[in-house]
Amino acid sequence: PEASYKMVKDFVGRKGVVGFTIVSPHYKAIYDNAYMK
């Protein structure tokens, strides 16, 4: 979750980046509070 947050902070606003993708096969709950920020 922290690496995801850092990546978003680092790449928001960069040229060509229009969003972010989660590859669905993973075993962490997407509703976990660690992802809210």
Full PDB file with SEQRES, HELIX, SHEET, SSBOND, CRYST1, ORIGX, SCALE, CONECT and MASTER records, all heavy atoms in Angstrom:
SEQRES   1 A   37  PRO GLU ALA SER TYR LYS MET VAL LYS ASP PHE VAL GLY          
SEQRES   2 A   37  ARG LYS GLY VAL VAL GLY PHE THR ILE VAL SER PRO HIS          
SEQRES   3 A   37  TYR LYS ALA ILE TYR ASP ASN ALA TYR MET LYS                  
HELIX    1 AA1 GLU A    2  PHE A   11  1                                  10    
HELIX    2 AA2 ASN A   33  TYR A   35  5                                   3    
CRYST1    1.000    1.000    1.000  90.00  90.00  90.00 P 1           1          
ORIGX1      1.000000  0.000000  0.000000        0.00000                         
ORIGX2      0.000000  1.000000  0.000000        0.00000                         
ORIGX3      0.000000  0.000000  1.000000        0.00000                         
SCALE1      1.000000  0.000000  0.000000        0.00000                         
SCALE2      0.000000  1.000000  0.000000        0.00000                         
SCALE3      0.000000  0.000000  1.000000        0.00000                         
ATOM      1  N   PRO A   1       0.800  -1.226   0.000  1.00  0.00           N  
ATOM      2  CA  PRO A   1       0.000   0.000   0.000  1.00  0.00           C  
ATOM      3  C   PRO A   1       0.838   1.283   0.000  1.00  0.00           C  
ATOM      4  O   PRO A   1       0.496   2.247  -0.679  1.00  0.00           O  
ATOM      5  CB  PRO A   1      -0.842  -0.099   1.276  1.00  0.00           C  
ATOM      6  CG  PRO A   1      -0.914  -1.548   1.572  1.00  0.00           C  
ATOM      7  CD  PRO A   1       0.384  -2.124   1.097  1.00  0.00           C  
ATOM      8  N   GLU A   2       1.939   1.308   0.726  1.00  0.00           N  
ATOM      9  CA  GLU A   2       2.780   2.513   0.771  1.00  0.00           C  
ATOM     10  C   GLU A   2       3.483   2.752  -0.559  1.00  0.00           C  
ATOM     11  O   GLU A   2       3.600   3.892  -1.006  1.00  0.00           O  
ATOM     12  CB  GLU A   2       3.788   2.434   1.917  1.00  0.00           C  
ATOM     13  CG  GLU A   2       3.172   2.662   3.271  1.00  0.00           C  
ATOM     14  CD  GLU A   2       2.410   3.989   3.389  1.00  0.00           C  
ATOM     15  OE1 GLU A   2       2.925   5.041   2.965  1.00  0.00           O  
ATOM     16  OE2 GLU A   2       1.275   3.964   3.900  1.00  0.00           O  
ATOM     17  N   ALA A   3       3.941   1.684  -1.199  1.00  0.00           N  
ATOM     18  CA  ALA A   3       4.576   1.833  -2.516  1.00  0.00           C  
ATOM     19  C   ALA A   3       3.550   2.303  -3.548  1.00  0.00           C  
ATOM     20  O   ALA A   3       3.871   3.116  -4.428  1.00  0.00           O  
ATOM     21  CB  ALA A   3       5.213   0.518  -2.954  1.00  0.00           C  
ATOM     22  N   SER A   4       2.314   1.818  -3.443  1.00  0.00           N  
ATOM     23  CA  SER A   4       1.244   2.266  -4.345  1.00  0.00           C  
ATOM     24  C   SER A   4       0.990   3.760  -4.161  1.00  0.00           C  
ATOM     25  O   SER A   4       0.892   4.507  -5.135  1.00  0.00           O  
ATOM     26  CB  SER A   4      -0.042   1.480  -4.088  1.00  0.00           C  
ATOM     27  OG  SER A   4       0.119   0.142  -4.437  1.00  0.00           O  
ATOM     28  N   TYR A   5       0.882   4.177  -2.915  1.00  0.00           N  
ATOM     29  CA  TYR A   5       0.648   5.597  -2.616  1.00  0.00           C  
ATOM     30  C   TYR A   5       1.787   6.456  -3.155  1.00  0.00           C  
ATOM     31  O   TYR A   5       1.558   7.481  -3.798  1.00  0.00           O  
ATOM     32  CB  TYR A   5       0.496   5.786  -1.107  1.00  0.00           C  
ATOM     33  CG  TYR A   5       0.287   7.213  -0.695  1.00  0.00           C  
ATOM     34  CD1 TYR A   5      -0.920   7.864  -0.962  1.00  0.00           C  
ATOM     35  CD2 TYR A   5       1.286   7.925  -0.047  1.00  0.00           C  
ATOM     36  CE1 TYR A   5      -1.113   9.183  -0.585  1.00  0.00           C  
ATOM     37  CE2 TYR A   5       1.098   9.236   0.335  1.00  0.00           C  
ATOM     38  CZ  TYR A   5      -0.102   9.856   0.068  1.00  0.00           C  
ATOM     39  OH  TYR A   5      -0.299  11.165   0.426  1.00  0.00           O  
ATOM     40  N   LYS A   6       3.021   6.018  -2.913  1.00  0.00           N  
ATOM     41  CA  LYS A   6       4.184   6.778  -3.396  1.00  0.00           C  
ATOM     42  C   LYS A   6       4.183   6.872  -4.917  1.00  0.00           C  
ATOM     43  O   LYS A   6       4.465   7.927  -5.487  1.00  0.00           O  
ATOM     44  CB  LYS A   6       5.474   6.135  -2.909  1.00  0.00           C  
ATOM     45  CG  LYS A   6       6.722   6.903  -3.329  1.00  0.00           C  
ATOM     46  CD  LYS A   6       7.981   6.221  -2.851  1.00  0.00           C  
ATOM     47  CE  LYS A   6       9.246   6.946  -3.215  1.00  0.00           C  
ATOM     48  NZ  LYS A   6       9.288   7.694  -4.426  1.00  0.00           N  
ATOM     49  N   MET A   7       3.846   5.776  -5.572  1.00  0.00           N  
ATOM     50  CA  MET A   7       3.813   5.781  -7.039  1.00  0.00           C  
ATOM     51  C   MET A   7       2.783   6.770  -7.560  1.00  0.00           C  
ATOM     52  O   MET A   7       3.042   7.516  -8.507  1.00  0.00           O  
ATOM     53  CB  MET A   7       3.527   4.381  -7.563  1.00  0.00           C  
ATOM     54  CG  MET A   7       3.637   4.256  -9.046  1.00  0.00           C  
ATOM     55  SD  MET A   7       3.489   2.523  -9.510  1.00  0.00           S  
ATOM     56  CE  MET A   7       3.407   2.707 -11.274  1.00  0.00           C  
ATOM     57  N   VAL A   8       1.618   6.793  -6.949  1.00  0.00           N  
ATOM     58  CA  VAL A   8       0.587   7.750  -7.366  1.00  0.00           C  
ATOM     59  C   VAL A   8       1.084   9.173  -7.161  1.00  0.00           C  
ATOM     60  O   VAL A   8       0.980  10.011  -8.056  1.00  0.00           O  
ATOM     61  CB  VAL A   8      -0.735   7.497  -6.608  1.00  0.00           C  
ATOM     62  CG1 VAL A   8      -1.744   8.602  -6.893  1.00  0.00           C  
ATOM     63  CG2 VAL A   8      -1.311   6.147  -6.997  1.00  0.00           C  
ATOM     64  N   LYS A   9       1.645   9.449  -6.004  1.00  0.00           N  
ATOM     65  CA  LYS A   9       2.157  10.799  -5.725  1.00  0.00           C  
ATOM     66  C   LYS A   9       3.248  11.193  -6.721  1.00  0.00           C  
ATOM     67  O   LYS A   9       3.312  12.336  -7.157  1.00  0.00           O  
ATOM     68  CB  LYS A   9       2.690  10.897  -4.297  1.00  0.00           C  
ATOM     69  CG  LYS A   9       1.641  10.760  -3.211  1.00  0.00           C  
ATOM     70  CD  LYS A   9       0.574  11.816  -3.300  1.00  0.00           C  
ATOM     71  CE  LYS A   9       0.942  13.049  -2.516  1.00  0.00           C  
ATOM     72  NZ  LYS A   9      -0.109  14.063  -2.503  1.00  0.00           N  
ATOM     73  N   ASP A  10       4.099  10.229  -7.088  1.00  0.00           N  
ATOM     74  CA  ASP A  10       5.210  10.511  -8.005  1.00  0.00           C  
ATOM     75  C   ASP A  10       4.756  10.725  -9.446  1.00  0.00           C  
ATOM     76  O   ASP A  10       5.394  11.469 -10.194  1.00  0.00           O  
ATOM     77  CB  ASP A  10       6.232   9.372  -7.980  1.00  0.00           C  
ATOM     78  CG  ASP A  10       7.032   9.307  -6.695  1.00  0.00           C  
ATOM     79  OD1 ASP A  10       6.983  10.268  -5.889  1.00  0.00           O  
ATOM     80  OD2 ASP A  10       7.710   8.276  -6.477  1.00  0.00           O  
ATOM     81  N   PHE A  11       3.656  10.079  -9.864  1.00  0.00           N  
ATOM     82  CA  PHE A  11       3.291  10.097 -11.276  1.00  0.00           C  
ATOM     83  C   PHE A  11       2.041  10.901 -11.621  1.00  0.00           C  
ATOM     84  O   PHE A  11       1.772  11.115 -12.804  1.00  0.00           O  
ATOM     85  CB  PHE A  11       3.155   8.668 -11.812  1.00  0.00           C  
ATOM     86  CG  PHE A  11       4.492   8.002 -12.006  1.00  0.00           C  
ATOM     87  CD1 PHE A  11       5.029   7.205 -11.014  1.00  0.00           C  
ATOM     88  CD2 PHE A  11       5.211   8.204 -13.170  1.00  0.00           C  
ATOM     89  CE1 PHE A  11       6.266   6.610 -11.170  1.00  0.00           C  
ATOM     90  CE2 PHE A  11       6.451   7.612 -13.349  1.00  0.00           C  
ATOM     91  CZ  PHE A  11       6.984   6.810 -12.340  1.00  0.00           C  
ATOM     92  N   VAL A  12       1.272  11.334 -10.634  1.00  0.00           N  
ATOM     93  CA  VAL A  12       0.109  12.182 -10.932  1.00  0.00           C  
ATOM     94  C   VAL A  12       0.616  13.460 -11.601  1.00  0.00           C  
ATOM     95  O   VAL A  12       1.555  14.094 -11.137  1.00  0.00           O  
ATOM     96  CB  VAL A  12      -0.684  12.518  -9.645  1.00  0.00           C  
ATOM     97  CG1 VAL A  12      -1.578  13.719  -9.854  1.00  0.00           C  
ATOM     98  CG2 VAL A  12      -1.520  11.332  -9.217  1.00  0.00           C  
ATOM     99  N   GLY A  13       0.009  13.784 -12.718  1.00  0.00           N  
ATOM    100  CA  GLY A  13       0.378  14.999 -13.433  1.00  0.00           C  
ATOM    101  C   GLY A  13       1.489  14.828 -14.454  1.00  0.00           C  
ATOM    102  O   GLY A  13       1.778  15.753 -15.212  1.00  0.00           O  
ATOM    103  N   ARG A  14       2.107  13.658 -14.501  1.00  0.00           N  
ATOM    104  CA  ARG A  14       3.155  13.439 -15.500  1.00  0.00           C  
ATOM    105  C   ARG A  14       2.538  13.272 -16.883  1.00  0.00           C  
ATOM    106  O   ARG A  14       1.459  12.714 -17.038  1.00  0.00           O  
ATOM    107  CB  ARG A  14       3.973  12.197 -15.166  1.00  0.00           C  
ATOM    108  CG  ARG A  14       4.806  12.355 -13.927  1.00  0.00           C  
ATOM    109  CD  ARG A  14       6.279  12.189 -14.245  1.00  0.00           C  
ATOM    110  NE  ARG A  14       7.048  12.209 -13.017  1.00  0.00           N  
ATOM    111  CZ  ARG A  14       7.965  11.328 -12.714  1.00  0.00           C  
ATOM    112  NH1 ARG A  14       8.242  10.341 -13.545  1.00  0.00           N  
ATOM    113  NH2 ARG A  14       8.639  11.424 -11.597  1.00  0.00           N  
ATOM    114  N   LYS A  15       3.263  13.738 -17.861  1.00  0.00           N  
ATOM    115  CA  LYS A  15       2.803  13.670 -19.242  1.00  0.00           C  
ATOM    116  C   LYS A  15       2.543  12.222 -19.657  1.00  0.00           C  
ATOM    117  O   LYS A  15       3.373  11.343 -19.445  1.00  0.00           O  
ATOM    118  CB  LYS A  15       3.862  14.282 -20.153  1.00  0.00           C  
ATOM    119  CG  LYS A  15       3.431  14.435 -21.584  1.00  0.00           C  
ATOM    120  CD  LYS A  15       4.482  15.150 -22.386  1.00  0.00           C  
ATOM    121  CE  LYS A  15       4.016  15.312 -23.801  1.00  0.00           C  
ATOM    122  NZ  LYS A  15       5.037  15.972 -24.623  1.00  0.00           N  
ATOM    123  N   GLY A  16       1.363  11.985 -20.221  1.00  0.00           N  
ATOM    124  CA  GLY A  16       0.994  10.677 -20.720  1.00  0.00           C  
ATOM    125  C   GLY A  16       0.318   9.771 -19.701  1.00  0.00           C  
ATOM    126  O   GLY A  16      -0.267   8.764 -20.064  1.00  0.00           O  
ATOM    127  N   VAL A  17       0.396  10.096 -18.415  1.00  0.00           N  
ATOM    128  CA  VAL A  17      -0.229   9.272 -17.383  1.00  0.00           C  
ATOM    129  C   VAL A  17      -1.662   9.756 -17.190  1.00  0.00           C  
ATOM    130  O   VAL A  17      -1.894  10.890 -16.797  1.00  0.00           O  
ATOM    131  CB  VAL A  17       0.541   9.336 -16.047  1.00  0.00           C  
ATOM    132  CG1 VAL A  17      -0.175   8.539 -14.968  1.00  0.00           C  
ATOM    133  CG2 VAL A  17       1.964   8.830 -16.233  1.00  0.00           C  
ATOM    134  N   VAL A  18      -2.616   8.879 -17.505  1.00  0.00           N  
ATOM    135  CA  VAL A  18      -4.029   9.276 -17.438  1.00  0.00           C  
ATOM    136  C   VAL A  18      -4.795   8.550 -16.339  1.00  0.00           C  
ATOM    137  O   VAL A  18      -5.984   8.768 -16.166  1.00  0.00           O  
ATOM    138  CB  VAL A  18      -4.738   9.074 -18.799  1.00  0.00           C  
ATOM    139  CG1 VAL A  18      -4.126   9.991 -19.846  1.00  0.00           C  
ATOM    140  CG2 VAL A  18      -4.694   7.623 -19.232  1.00  0.00           C  
ATOM    141  N   GLY A  19      -4.121   7.676 -15.599  1.00  0.00           N  
ATOM    142  CA  GLY A  19      -4.769   6.944 -14.524  1.00  0.00           C  
ATOM    143  C   GLY A  19      -3.857   5.842 -14.019  1.00  0.00           C  
ATOM    144  O   GLY A  19      -2.677   5.776 -14.383  1.00  0.00           O  
ATOM    145  N   PHE A  20      -4.431   4.980 -13.180  1.00  0.00           N  
ATOM    146  CA  PHE A  20      -3.664   3.903 -12.577  1.00  0.00           C  
ATOM    147  C   PHE A  20      -4.474   2.617 -12.621  1.00  0.00           C  
ATOM    148  O   PHE A  20      -5.699   2.641 -12.580  1.00  0.00           O  
ATOM    149  CB  PHE A  20      -3.293   4.259 -11.138  1.00  0.00           C  
ATOM    150  CG  PHE A  20      -2.351   5.439 -11.082  1.00  0.00           C  
ATOM    151  CD1 PHE A  20      -2.842   6.731 -11.051  1.00  0.00           C  
ATOM    152  CD2 PHE A  20      -0.982   5.244 -11.090  1.00  0.00           C  
ATOM    153  CE1 PHE A  20      -1.985   7.819 -11.027  1.00  0.00           C  
ATOM    154  CE2 PHE A  20      -0.115   6.329 -11.064  1.00  0.00           C  
ATOM    155  CZ  PHE A  20      -0.620   7.617 -11.035  1.00  0.00           C  
ATOM    156  N   THR A  21      -3.759   1.488 -12.694  1.00  0.00           N  
ATOM    157  CA  THR A  21      -4.393   0.196 -12.869  1.00  0.00           C  
ATOM    158  C   THR A  21      -4.021  -0.755 -11.742  1.00  0.00           C  
ATOM    159  O   THR A  21      -2.870  -0.796 -11.313  1.00  0.00           O  
ATOM    160  CB  THR A  21      -3.965  -0.428 -14.217  1.00  0.00           C  
ATOM    161  OG1 THR A  21      -4.410   0.418 -15.270  1.00  0.00           O  
ATOM    162  CG2 THR A  21      -4.543  -1.813 -14.415  1.00  0.00           C  
ATOM    163  N   ILE A  22      -5.016  -1.512 -11.299  1.00  0.00           N  
ATOM    164  CA  ILE A  22      -4.810  -2.608 -10.364  1.00  0.00           C  
ATOM    165  C   ILE A  22      -5.054  -3.889 -11.148  1.00  0.00           C  
ATOM    166  O   ILE A  22      -6.091  -4.038 -11.786  1.00  0.00           O  
ATOM    167  CB  ILE A  22      -5.805  -2.524  -9.189  1.00  0.00           C  
ATOM    168  CG1 ILE A  22      -5.483  -1.310  -8.318  1.00  0.00           C  
ATOM    169  CG2 ILE A  22      -5.791  -3.809  -8.379  1.00  0.00           C  
ATOM    170  CD1 ILE A  22      -6.503  -1.047  -7.236  1.00  0.00           C  
ATOM    171  N   VAL A  23      -4.078  -4.782 -11.134  1.00  0.00           N  
ATOM    172  CA  VAL A  23      -4.271  -6.088 -11.749  1.00  0.00           C  
ATOM    173  C   VAL A  23      -5.046  -6.924 -10.734  1.00  0.00           C  
ATOM    174  O   VAL A  23      -4.617  -7.098  -9.601  1.00  0.00           O  
ATOM    175  CB  VAL A  23      -2.938  -6.753 -12.109  1.00  0.00           C  
ATOM    176  CG1 VAL A  23      -3.170  -8.109 -12.757  1.00  0.00           C  
ATOM    177  CG2 VAL A  23      -2.142  -5.846 -13.037  1.00  0.00           C  
ATOM    178  N   SER A  24      -6.192  -7.406 -11.134  1.00  0.00           N  
ATOM    179  CA  SER A  24      -7.143  -7.990 -10.194  1.00  0.00           C  
ATOM    180  C   SER A  24      -6.686  -9.217  -9.417  1.00  0.00           C  
ATOM    181  O   SER A  24      -7.082  -9.371  -8.265  1.00  0.00           O  
ATOM    182  CB  SER A  24      -8.460  -8.289 -10.907  1.00  0.00           C  
ATOM    183  OG  SER A  24      -9.088  -7.071 -11.226  1.00  0.00           O  
ATOM    184  N   PRO A  25      -5.895 -10.143  -9.960  1.00  0.00           N  
ATOM    185  CA  PRO A  25      -5.513 -11.281  -9.124  1.00  0.00           C  
ATOM    186  C   PRO A  25      -4.509 -10.864  -8.048  1.00  0.00           C  
ATOM    187  O   PRO A  25      -3.313 -10.792  -8.276  1.00  0.00           O  
ATOM    188  CB  PRO A  25      -4.870 -12.272 -10.083  1.00  0.00           C  
ATOM    189  CG  PRO A  25      -5.310 -11.859 -11.419  1.00  0.00           C  
ATOM    190  CD  PRO A  25      -5.523 -10.378 -11.345  1.00  0.00           C  
ATOM    191  N   HIS A  26      -5.026 -10.533  -6.906  1.00  0.00           N  
ATOM    192  CA  HIS A  26      -4.196 -10.264  -5.737  1.00  0.00           C  
ATOM    193  C   HIS A  26      -5.032 -10.629  -4.521  1.00  0.00           C  
ATOM    194  O   HIS A  26      -6.242 -10.785  -4.608  1.00  0.00           O  
ATOM    195  CB  HIS A  26      -3.722  -8.806  -5.683  1.00  0.00           C  
ATOM    196  CG  HIS A  26      -4.827  -7.817  -5.635  1.00  0.00           C  
ATOM    197  ND1 HIS A  26      -5.488  -7.505  -4.473  1.00  0.00           N  
ATOM    198  CD2 HIS A  26      -5.416  -7.084  -6.590  1.00  0.00           C  
ATOM    199  CE1 HIS A  26      -6.433  -6.613  -4.728  1.00  0.00           C  
ATOM    200  NE2 HIS A  26      -6.408  -6.362  -6.017  1.00  0.00           N  
ATOM    201  N   TYR A  27      -4.386 -10.769  -3.413  1.00  0.00           N  
ATOM    202  CA  TYR A  27      -5.086 -11.282  -2.239  1.00  0.00           C  
ATOM    203  C   TYR A  27      -5.022 -10.312  -1.065  1.00  0.00           C  
ATOM    204  O   TYR A  27      -4.866 -10.707   0.078  1.00  0.00           O  
ATOM    205  CB  TYR A  27      -4.534 -12.664  -1.877  1.00  0.00           C  
ATOM    206  CG  TYR A  27      -4.764 -13.640  -3.010  1.00  0.00           C  
ATOM    207  CD1 TYR A  27      -3.781 -13.896  -3.948  1.00  0.00           C  
ATOM    208  CD2 TYR A  27      -5.996 -14.257  -3.172  1.00  0.00           C  
ATOM    209  CE1 TYR A  27      -4.008 -14.761  -5.011  1.00  0.00           C  
ATOM    210  CE2 TYR A  27      -6.236 -15.126  -4.223  1.00  0.00           C  
ATOM    211  CZ  TYR A  27      -5.241 -15.370  -5.135  1.00  0.00           C  
ATOM    212  OH  TYR A  27      -5.461 -16.211  -6.183  1.00  0.00           O  
ATOM    213  N   LYS A  28      -5.168  -9.036  -1.359  1.00  0.00           N  
ATOM    214  CA  LYS A  28      -5.310  -8.002  -0.340  1.00  0.00           C  
ATOM    215  C   LYS A  28      -6.664  -7.363  -0.555  1.00  0.00           C  
ATOM    216  O   LYS A  28      -7.081  -7.129  -1.694  1.00  0.00           O  
ATOM    217  CB  LYS A  28      -4.212  -6.955  -0.470  1.00  0.00           C  
ATOM    218  CG  LYS A  28      -2.839  -7.456  -0.108  1.00  0.00           C  
ATOM    219  CD  LYS A  28      -2.214  -6.489   0.856  1.00  0.00           C  
ATOM    220  CE  LYS A  28      -0.823  -6.934   1.205  1.00  0.00           C  
ATOM    221  NZ  LYS A  28      -0.622  -7.054   2.603  1.00  0.00           N  
ATOM    222  N   ALA A  29      -7.337  -7.062   0.513  1.00  0.00           N  
ATOM    223  CA  ALA A  29      -8.678  -6.479   0.416  1.00  0.00           C  
ATOM    224  C   ALA A  29      -8.594  -5.031  -0.065  1.00  0.00           C  
ATOM    225  O   ALA A  29      -7.897  -4.215   0.542  1.00  0.00           O  
ATOM    226  CB  ALA A  29      -9.364  -6.541   1.771  1.00  0.00           C  
ATOM    227  N   ILE A  30      -9.305  -4.724  -1.135  1.00  0.00           N  
ATOM    228  CA  ILE A  30      -9.243  -3.370  -1.685  1.00  0.00           C  
ATOM    229  C   ILE A  30      -9.903  -2.339  -0.786  1.00  0.00           C  
ATOM    230  O   ILE A  30      -9.690  -1.156  -0.951  1.00  0.00           O  
ATOM    231  CB  ILE A  30      -9.860  -3.302  -3.093  1.00  0.00           C  
ATOM    232  CG1 ILE A  30     -11.330  -3.693  -3.047  1.00  0.00           C  
ATOM    233  CG2 ILE A  30      -9.076  -4.138  -4.064  1.00  0.00           C  
ATOM    234  CD1 ILE A  30     -12.098  -3.269  -4.257  1.00  0.00           C  
ATOM    235  N   TYR A  31     -10.680  -2.791   0.188  1.00  0.00           N  
ATOM    236  CA  TYR A  31     -11.338  -1.880   1.116  1.00  0.00           C  
ATOM    237  C   TYR A  31     -10.493  -1.619   2.364  1.00  0.00           C  
ATOM    238  O   TYR A  31     -10.901  -0.890   3.257  1.00  0.00           O  
ATOM    239  CB  TYR A  31     -12.704  -2.419   1.534  1.00  0.00           C  
ATOM    240  CG  TYR A  31     -12.655  -3.820   2.085  1.00  0.00           C  
ATOM    241  CD1 TYR A  31     -12.327  -4.062   3.412  1.00  0.00           C  
ATOM    242  CD2 TYR A  31     -12.910  -4.902   1.257  1.00  0.00           C  
ATOM    243  CE1 TYR A  31     -12.259  -5.351   3.914  1.00  0.00           C  
ATOM    244  CE2 TYR A  31     -12.850  -6.199   1.745  1.00  0.00           C  
ATOM    245  CZ  TYR A  31     -12.514  -6.411   3.076  1.00  0.00           C  
ATOM    246  OH  TYR A  31     -12.444  -7.690   3.552  1.00  0.00           O  
ATOM    247  N   ASP A  32      -9.295  -2.184   2.422  1.00  0.00           N  
ATOM    248  CA  ASP A  32      -8.417  -1.984   3.576  1.00  0.00           C  
ATOM    249  C   ASP A  32      -8.103  -0.496   3.727  1.00  0.00           C  
ATOM    250  O   ASP A  32      -7.856   0.208   2.740  1.00  0.00           O  
ATOM    251  CB  ASP A  32      -7.123  -2.782   3.376  1.00  0.00           C  
ATOM    252  CG  ASP A  32      -6.280  -2.830   4.630  1.00  0.00           C  
ATOM    253  OD1 ASP A  32      -5.857  -1.761   5.110  1.00  0.00           O  
ATOM    254  OD2 ASP A  32      -6.036  -3.946   5.126  1.00  0.00           O  
ATOM    255  N   ASN A  33      -8.113  -0.020   4.954  1.00  0.00           N  
ATOM    256  CA  ASN A  33      -7.843   1.402   5.213  1.00  0.00           C  
ATOM    257  C   ASN A  33      -6.472   1.851   4.712  1.00  0.00           C  
ATOM    258  O   ASN A  33      -6.266   3.036   4.469  1.00  0.00           O  
ATOM    259  CB  ASN A  33      -7.983   1.709   6.704  1.00  0.00           C  
ATOM    260  CG  ASN A  33      -9.430   1.806   7.113  1.00  0.00           C  
ATOM    261  OD1 ASN A  33     -10.294   2.151   6.319  1.00  0.00           O  
ATOM    262  ND2 ASN A  33      -9.708   1.475   8.360  1.00  0.00           N  
ATOM    263  N   ALA A  34      -5.546   0.926   4.533  1.00  0.00           N  
ATOM    264  CA  ALA A  34      -4.215   1.274   4.029  1.00  0.00           C  
ATOM    265  C   ALA A  34      -4.264   1.870   2.622  1.00  0.00           C  
ATOM    266  O   ALA A  34      -3.357   2.593   2.222  1.00  0.00           O  
ATOM    267  CB  ALA A  34      -3.315   0.039   4.038  1.00  0.00           C  
ATOM    268  N   TYR A  35      -5.343   1.604   1.872  1.00  0.00           N  
ATOM    269  CA  TYR A  35      -5.465   2.115   0.501  1.00  0.00           C  
ATOM    270  C   TYR A  35      -6.261   3.415   0.400  1.00  0.00           C  
ATOM    271  O   TYR A  35      -6.299   4.029  -0.669  1.00  0.00           O  
ATOM    272  CB  TYR A  35      -6.132   1.071  -0.399  1.00  0.00           C  
ATOM    273  CG  TYR A  35      -5.353  -0.205  -0.505  1.00  0.00           C  
ATOM    274  CD1 TYR A  35      -5.883  -1.397  -0.025  1.00  0.00           C  
ATOM    275  CD2 TYR A  35      -4.086  -0.233  -1.077  1.00  0.00           C  
ATOM    276  CE1 TYR A  35      -5.169  -2.579  -0.114  1.00  0.00           C  
ATOM    277  CE2 TYR A  35      -3.368  -1.407  -1.164  1.00  0.00           C  
ATOM    278  CZ  TYR A  35      -3.912  -2.580  -0.681  1.00  0.00           C  
ATOM    279  OH  TYR A  35      -3.202  -3.740  -0.770  1.00  0.00           O  
ATOM    280  N   MET A  36      -6.886   3.839   1.450  1.00  0.00           N  
ATOM    281  CA  MET A  36      -7.810   4.975   1.371  1.00  0.00           C  
ATOM    282  C   MET A  36      -7.126   6.271   0.937  1.00  0.00           C  
ATOM    283  O   MET A  36      -7.670   7.023   0.140  1.00  0.00           O  
ATOM    284  CB  MET A  36      -8.552   5.182   2.696  1.00  0.00           C  
ATOM    285  CG  MET A  36      -9.463   4.018   3.074  1.00  0.00           C  
ATOM    286  SD  MET A  36     -10.691   3.611   1.816  1.00  0.00           S  
ATOM    287  CE  MET A  36     -10.313   1.887   1.513  1.00  0.00           C  
ATOM    288  N   LYS A  37      -5.899   6.522   1.411  1.00  0.00           N  
ATOM    289  CA  LYS A  37      -5.221   7.758   1.008  1.00  0.00           C  
ATOM    290  C   LYS A  37      -4.833   7.698  -0.477  1.00  0.00           C  
ATOM    291  O   LYS A  37      -4.813   8.723  -1.154  1.00  0.00           O  
ATOM    292  CB  LYS A  37      -4.021   8.058   1.891  1.00  0.00           C  
ATOM    293  CG  LYS A  37      -2.906   7.056   1.844  1.00  0.00           C  
ATOM    294  CD  LYS A  37      -1.809   7.432   2.839  1.00  0.00           C  
ATOM    295  CE  LYS A  37      -0.676   6.426   2.810  1.00  0.00           C  
ATOM    296  NZ  LYS A  37       0.370   6.786   3.783  1.00  0.00           N  
TER     297      LYS A  37                                                      
MASTER        0    0    0    2    0    0    0    6  296    1    0    3          
END                                                                             
